[in-house]
Structures are given as structure tokens and as C-alpha cells.
Amino acid sequence: MQPNQHRETARVLLVDPQSRVFLLKTHFDPEVQLPPRWITPGGGIDQGETPREAAV
């Protein structure tokens, strides 16, 4: 994907009984020049895929 391109995604918000949230830390991606950042688990939605399928 190139900068300024958009893709439908499905995300999951996992919260445990102590109200802690599960996040993933990405790595530097030289292809799109994005710095490391914290994100929720999930993924891009492919054609014919439901948001639930993409999230897991």
C-alpha cells in the first residue's frame, strides 16, 4: 500500500477484567515510511470476506 491509499479494515478491542487493553507495537516499515506505533489487532478486509473474518 502506498501513502494516502485507504483500505477497509476490521479491528478488535480486547479488554481484560482489570480494564487493560491489548495493543500491538508495529515496526518501522520502509516501504511506506511509517514509524513504529501502537495498534489494535485486526486486518484488512479482502473481497468476499466479512469484517469478523478479517479481524481474526
PDB file of N, CA and C in Angstrom:
ATOM      1  N   MET A   1       0.833  -1.181   0.000  1.00  0.00           N
ATOM      2  CA  MET A   1       0.000   0.000   0.000  1.00  0.00           C
ATOM      3  C   MET A   1       0.876   1.241   0.000  1.00  0.00           C
ATOM      4  N   GLN A   2       0.452   2.234  -0.699  1.00  0.00           N
ATOM      5  CA  GLN A   2       1.176   3.494  -0.787  1.00  0.00           C
ATOM      6  C   GLN A   2       0.561   4.520   0.168  1.00  0.00           C
ATOM      7  N   PRO A   3       1.344   5.546   0.549  1.00  0.00           N
ATOM      8  CA  PRO A   3       0.768   6.605   1.384  1.00  0.00           C
ATOM      9  C   PRO A   3      -0.475   7.190   0.720  1.00  0.00           C
ATOM     10  N   ASN A   4      -1.434   7.573   1.537  1.00  0.00           N
ATOM     11  CA  ASN A   4      -2.703   8.163   1.092  1.00  0.00           C
ATOM     12  C   ASN A   4      -3.631   7.152   0.432  1.00  0.00           C
ATOM     13  N   GLN A   5      -3.288   5.860   0.425  1.00  0.00           N
ATOM     14  CA  GLN A   5      -4.218   4.835  -0.029  1.00  0.00           C
ATOM     15  C   GLN A   5      -5.038   4.393   1.172  1.00  0.00           C
ATOM     16  N   HIS A   6      -6.263   3.990   0.932  1.00  0.00           N
ATOM     17  CA  HIS A   6      -7.142   3.568   2.017  1.00  0.00           C
ATOM     18  C   HIS A   6      -7.609   2.147   1.763  1.00  0.00           C
ATOM     19  N   ARG A   7      -7.778   1.394   2.830  1.00  0.00           N
ATOM     20  CA  ARG A   7      -8.264   0.024   2.751  1.00  0.00           C
ATOM     21  C   ARG A   7      -9.190  -0.218   3.928  1.00  0.00           C
ATOM     22  N   GLU A   8     -10.318  -0.856   3.645  1.00  0.00           N
ATOM     23  CA  GLU A   8     -11.243  -1.215   4.717  1.00  0.00           C
ATOM     24  C   GLU A   8     -10.552  -2.205   5.644  1.00  0.00           C
ATOM     25  N   THR A   9     -10.701  -1.985   6.944  1.00  0.00           N
ATOM     26  CA  THR A   9     -10.116  -2.894   7.928  1.00  0.00           C
ATOM     27  C   THR A   9     -11.135  -3.225   9.007  1.00  0.00           C
ATOM     28  N   ALA A  10     -10.868  -4.298   9.705  1.00  0.00           N
ATOM     29  CA  ALA A  10     -11.664  -4.678  10.869  1.00  0.00           C
ATOM     30  C   ALA A  10     -10.700  -4.766  12.042  1.00  0.00           C
ATOM     31  N   ARG A  11     -11.063  -4.191  13.162  1.00  0.00           N
ATOM     32  CA  ARG A  11     -10.188  -4.157  14.331  1.00  0.00           C
ATOM     33  C   ARG A  11     -10.890  -4.825  15.508  1.00  0.00           C
ATOM     34  N   VAL A  12     -10.107  -5.260  16.473  1.00  0.00           N
ATOM     35  CA  VAL A  12     -10.629  -5.901  17.680  1.00  0.00           C
ATOM     36  C   VAL A  12     -10.125  -5.122  18.889  1.00  0.00           C
ATOM     37  N   LEU A  13     -11.001  -4.871  19.825  1.00  0.00           N
ATOM     38  CA  LEU A  13     -10.606  -4.215  21.068  1.00  0.00           C
ATOM     39  C   LEU A  13     -10.755  -5.237  22.191  1.00  0.00           C
ATOM     40  N   LEU A  14      -9.620  -5.687  22.708  1.00  0.00           N
ATOM     41  CA  LEU A  14      -9.608  -6.691  23.776  1.00  0.00           C
ATOM     42  C   LEU A  14      -9.325  -6.006  25.110  1.00  0.00           C
ATOM     43  N   VAL A  15     -10.257  -6.176  26.052  1.00  0.00           N
ATOM     44  CA  VAL A  15     -10.124  -5.570  27.377  1.00  0.00           C
ATOM     45  C   VAL A  15     -10.298  -6.684  28.412  1.00  0.00           C
ATOM     46  N   ASP A  16      -9.346  -6.791  29.335  1.00  0.00           N
ATOM     47  CA  ASP A  16      -9.431  -7.840  30.351  1.00  0.00           C
ATOM     48  C   ASP A  16     -10.212  -7.336  31.575  1.00  0.00           C
ATOM     49  N   PRO A  17     -10.459  -8.215  32.554  1.00  0.00           N
ATOM     50  CA  PRO A  17     -11.236  -7.816  33.737  1.00  0.00           C
ATOM     51  C   PRO A  17     -10.625  -6.661  34.537  1.00  0.00           C
ATOM     52  N   GLN A  18      -9.327  -6.421  34.390  1.00  0.00           N
ATOM     53  CA  GLN A  18      -8.687  -5.293  35.079  1.00  0.00           C
ATOM     54  C   GLN A  18      -8.688  -4.026  34.215  1.00  0.00           C
ATOM     55  N   SER A  19      -9.451  -4.031  33.131  1.00  0.00           N
ATOM     56  CA  SER A  19      -9.583  -2.895  32.203  1.00  0.00           C
ATOM     57  C   SER A  19      -8.295  -2.589  31.441  1.00  0.00           C
ATOM     58  N   ARG A  20      -7.427  -3.589  31.299  1.00  0.00           N
ATOM     59  CA  ARG A  20      -6.222  -3.411  30.485  1.00  0.00           C
ATOM     60  C   ARG A  20      -6.571  -3.717  29.036  1.00  0.00           C
ATOM     61  N   VAL A  21      -5.989  -2.949  28.132  1.00  0.00           N
ATOM     62  CA  VAL A  21      -6.264  -3.092  26.699  1.00  0.00           C
ATOM     63  C   VAL A  21      -5.066  -3.739  26.022  1.00  0.00           C
ATOM     64  N   PHE A  22      -5.334  -4.707  25.133  1.00  0.00           N
ATOM     65  CA  PHE A  22      -4.274  -5.389  24.390  1.00  0.00           C
ATOM     66  C   PHE A  22      -3.950  -4.590  23.133  1.00  0.00           C
ATOM     67  N   LEU A  23      -2.683  -4.191  22.987  1.00  0.00           N
ATOM     68  CA  LEU A  23      -2.213  -3.462  21.811  1.00  0.00           C
ATOM     69  C   LEU A  23      -0.977  -4.153  21.251  1.00  0.00           C
ATOM     70  N   LEU A  24      -0.736  -3.952  19.974  1.00  0.00           N
ATOM     71  CA  LEU A  24       0.445  -4.482  19.301  1.00  0.00           C
ATOM     72  C   LEU A  24       1.323  -3.320  18.876  1.00  0.00           C
ATOM     73  N   LYS A  25       2.631  -3.483  18.983  1.00  0.00           N
ATOM     74  CA  LYS A  25       3.549  -2.443  18.521  1.00  0.00           C
ATOM     75  C   LYS A  25       4.117  -2.865  17.168  1.00  0.00           C
ATOM     76  N   THR A  26       3.964  -1.985  16.184  1.00  0.00           N
ATOM     77  CA  THR A  26       4.475  -2.270  14.847  1.00  0.00           C
ATOM     78  C   THR A  26       5.959  -1.938  14.784  1.00  0.00           C
ATOM     79  N   HIS A  27       6.576  -2.283  13.683  1.00  0.00           N
ATOM     80  CA  HIS A  27       7.978  -1.937  13.448  1.00  0.00           C
ATOM     81  C   HIS A  27       8.030  -0.898  12.331  1.00  0.00           C
ATOM     82  N   PHE A  28       9.173  -0.285  12.137  1.00  0.00           N
ATOM     83  CA  PHE A  28       9.331   0.683  11.054  1.00  0.00           C
ATOM     84  C   PHE A  28       9.112  -0.026   9.728  1.00  0.00           C
ATOM     85  N   ASP A  29       8.288   0.546   8.873  1.00  0.00           N
ATOM     86  CA  ASP A  29       8.005  -0.028   7.558  1.00  0.00           C
ATOM     87  C   ASP A  29       8.605   0.881   6.496  1.00  0.00           C
ATOM     88  N   PRO A  30       9.786   0.538   5.966  1.00  0.00           N
ATOM     89  CA  PRO A  30      10.440   1.417   4.994  1.00  0.00           C
ATOM     90  C   PRO A  30       9.656   1.561   3.694  1.00  0.00           C
ATOM     91  N   GLU A  31       8.805   0.581   3.385  1.00  0.00           N
ATOM     92  CA  GLU A  31       8.040   0.641   2.136  1.00  0.00           C
ATOM     93  C   GLU A  31       7.093   1.832   2.113  1.00  0.00           C
ATOM     94  N   VAL A  32       6.503   2.145   3.242  1.00  0.00           N
ATOM     95  CA  VAL A  32       5.557   3.268   3.313  1.00  0.00           C
ATOM     96  C   VAL A  32       6.013   4.355   4.277  1.00  0.00           C
ATOM     97  N   GLN A  33       7.229   4.221   4.802  1.00  0.00           N
ATOM     98  CA  GLN A  33       7.829   5.229   5.677  1.00  0.00           C
ATOM     99  C   GLN A  33       6.980   5.525   6.911  1.00  0.00           C
ATOM    100  N   LEU A  34       6.468   4.470   7.543  1.00  0.00           N
ATOM    101  CA  LEU A  34       5.696   4.645   8.770  1.00  0.00           C
ATOM    102  C   LEU A  34       6.552   4.277   9.975  1.00  0.00           C
ATOM    103  N   PRO A  35       6.568   5.124  10.989  1.00  0.00           N
ATOM    104  CA  PRO A  35       7.338   4.812  12.199  1.00  0.00           C
ATOM    105  C   PRO A  35       6.615   3.742  13.023  1.00  0.00           C
ATOM    106  N   PRO A  36       7.301   3.137  14.001  1.00  0.00           N
ATOM    107  CA  PRO A  36       6.623   2.200  14.899  1.00  0.00           C
ATOM    108  C   PRO A  36       5.462   2.901  15.607  1.00  0.00           C
ATOM    109  N   ARG A  37       4.403   2.151  15.854  1.00  0.00           N
ATOM    110  CA  ARG A  37       3.236   2.722  16.529  1.00  0.00           C
ATOM    111  C   ARG A  37       2.460   1.597  17.210  1.00  0.00           C
ATOM    112  N   TRP A  38       1.561   1.967  18.113  1.00  0.00           N
ATOM    113  CA  TRP A  38       0.712   1.004  18.813  1.00  0.00           C
ATOM    114  C   TRP A  38      -0.619   0.900  18.081  1.00  0.00           C
ATOM    115  N   ILE A  39      -1.080  -0.342  17.839  1.00  0.00           N
ATOM    116  CA  ILE A  39      -2.338  -0.556  17.120  1.00  0.00           C
ATOM    117  C   ILE A  39      -3.147  -1.658  17.797  1.00  0.00           C
ATOM    118  N   THR A  40      -4.434  -1.700  17.482  1.00  0.00           N
ATOM    119  CA  THR A  40      -5.281  -2.804  17.926  1.00  0.00           C
ATOM    120  C   THR A  40      -5.132  -3.958  16.934  1.00  0.00           C
ATOM    121  N   PRO A  41      -5.356  -5.209  17.378  1.00  0.00           N
ATOM    122  CA  PRO A  41      -5.289  -6.337  16.454  1.00  0.00           C
ATOM    123  C   PRO A  41      -6.384  -6.237  15.398  1.00  0.00           C
ATOM    124  N   GLY A  42      -6.121  -6.782  14.240  1.00  0.00           N
ATOM    125  CA  GLY A  42      -7.102  -6.800  13.170  1.00  0.00           C
ATOM    126  C   GLY A  42      -6.412  -6.956  11.837  1.00  0.00           C
ATOM    127  N   GLY A  43      -7.146  -6.660  10.778  1.00  0.00           N
ATOM    128  CA  GLY A  43      -6.553  -6.797   9.458  1.00  0.00           C
ATOM    129  C   GLY A  43      -7.417  -6.202   8.376  1.00  0.00           C
ATOM    130  N   GLY A  44      -6.848  -6.144   7.172  1.00  0.00           N
ATOM    131  CA  GLY A  44      -7.567  -5.633   6.014  1.00  0.00           C
ATOM    132  C   GLY A  44      -8.658  -6.596   5.590  1.00  0.00           C
ATOM    133  N   ILE A  45      -9.747  -6.045   5.085  1.00  0.00           N
ATOM    134  CA  ILE A  45     -10.872  -6.857   4.632  1.00  0.00           C
ATOM    135  C   ILE A  45     -10.696  -7.137   3.143  1.00  0.00           C
ATOM    136  N   ASP A  46     -10.538  -8.417   2.804  1.00  0.00           N
ATOM    137  CA  ASP A  46     -10.416  -8.823   1.406  1.00  0.00           C
ATOM    138  C   ASP A  46     -11.799  -8.978   0.789  1.00  0.00           C
ATOM    139  N   GLN A  47     -11.854  -8.946  -0.546  1.00  0.00           N
ATOM    140  CA  GLN A  47     -13.128  -9.106  -1.247  1.00  0.00           C
ATOM    141  C   GLN A  47     -13.743 -10.452  -0.870  1.00  0.00           C
ATOM    142  N   GLY A  48     -15.025 -10.435  -0.523  1.00  0.00           N
ATOM    143  CA  GLY A  48     -15.737 -11.641  -0.139  1.00  0.00           C
ATOM    144  C   GLY A  48     -15.556 -12.045   1.315  1.00  0.00           C
ATOM    145  N   GLU A  49     -14.783 -11.296   2.059  1.00  0.00           N
ATOM    146  CA  GLU A  49     -14.508 -11.601   3.462  1.00  0.00           C
ATOM    147  C   GLU A  49     -15.372 -10.710   4.347  1.00  0.00           C
ATOM    148  N   THR A  50     -15.854 -11.258   5.441  1.00  0.00           N
ATOM    149  CA  THR A  50     -16.630 -10.450   6.377  1.00  0.00           C
ATOM    150  C   THR A  50     -15.680  -9.700   7.314  1.00  0.00           C
ATOM    151  N   PRO A  51     -16.144  -8.605   7.908  1.00  0.00           N
ATOM    152  CA  PRO A  51     -15.303  -7.912   8.885  1.00  0.00           C
ATOM    153  C   PRO A  51     -14.869  -8.827  10.030  1.00  0.00           C
ATOM    154  N   ARG A  52     -15.738  -9.699  10.474  1.00  0.00           N
ATOM    155  CA  ARG A  52     -15.391 -10.631  11.558  1.00  0.00           C
ATOM    156  C   ARG A  52     -14.244 -11.547  11.130  1.00  0.00           C
ATOM    157  N   GLU A  53     -14.288 -12.065   9.909  1.00  0.00           N
ATOM    158  CA  GLU A  53     -13.215 -12.931   9.403  1.00  0.00           C
ATOM    159  C   GLU A  53     -11.897 -12.167   9.309  1.00  0.00           C
ATOM    160  N   ALA A  54     -11.959 -10.928   8.865  1.00  0.00           N
ATOM    161  CA  ALA A  54     -10.739 -10.125   8.720  1.00  0.00           C
ATOM    162  C   ALA A  54     -10.124  -9.786  10.071  1.00  0.00           C
ATOM    163  N   ALA A  55     -10.951  -9.612  11.068  1.00  0.00           N
ATOM    164  CA  ALA A  55     -10.461  -9.221  12.389  1.00  0.00           C
ATOM    165  C   ALA A  55      -9.678 -10.332  13.064  1.00  0.00           C
ATOM    166  N   VAL A  56     -10.005 -11.560  12.756  1.00  0.00           N
ATOM    167  CA  VAL A  56      -9.305 -12.675  13.396  1.00  0.00           C
ATOM    168  C   VAL A  56      -8.384 -13.313  12.400  1.00  0.00           C
TER     169      VAL A  56
END
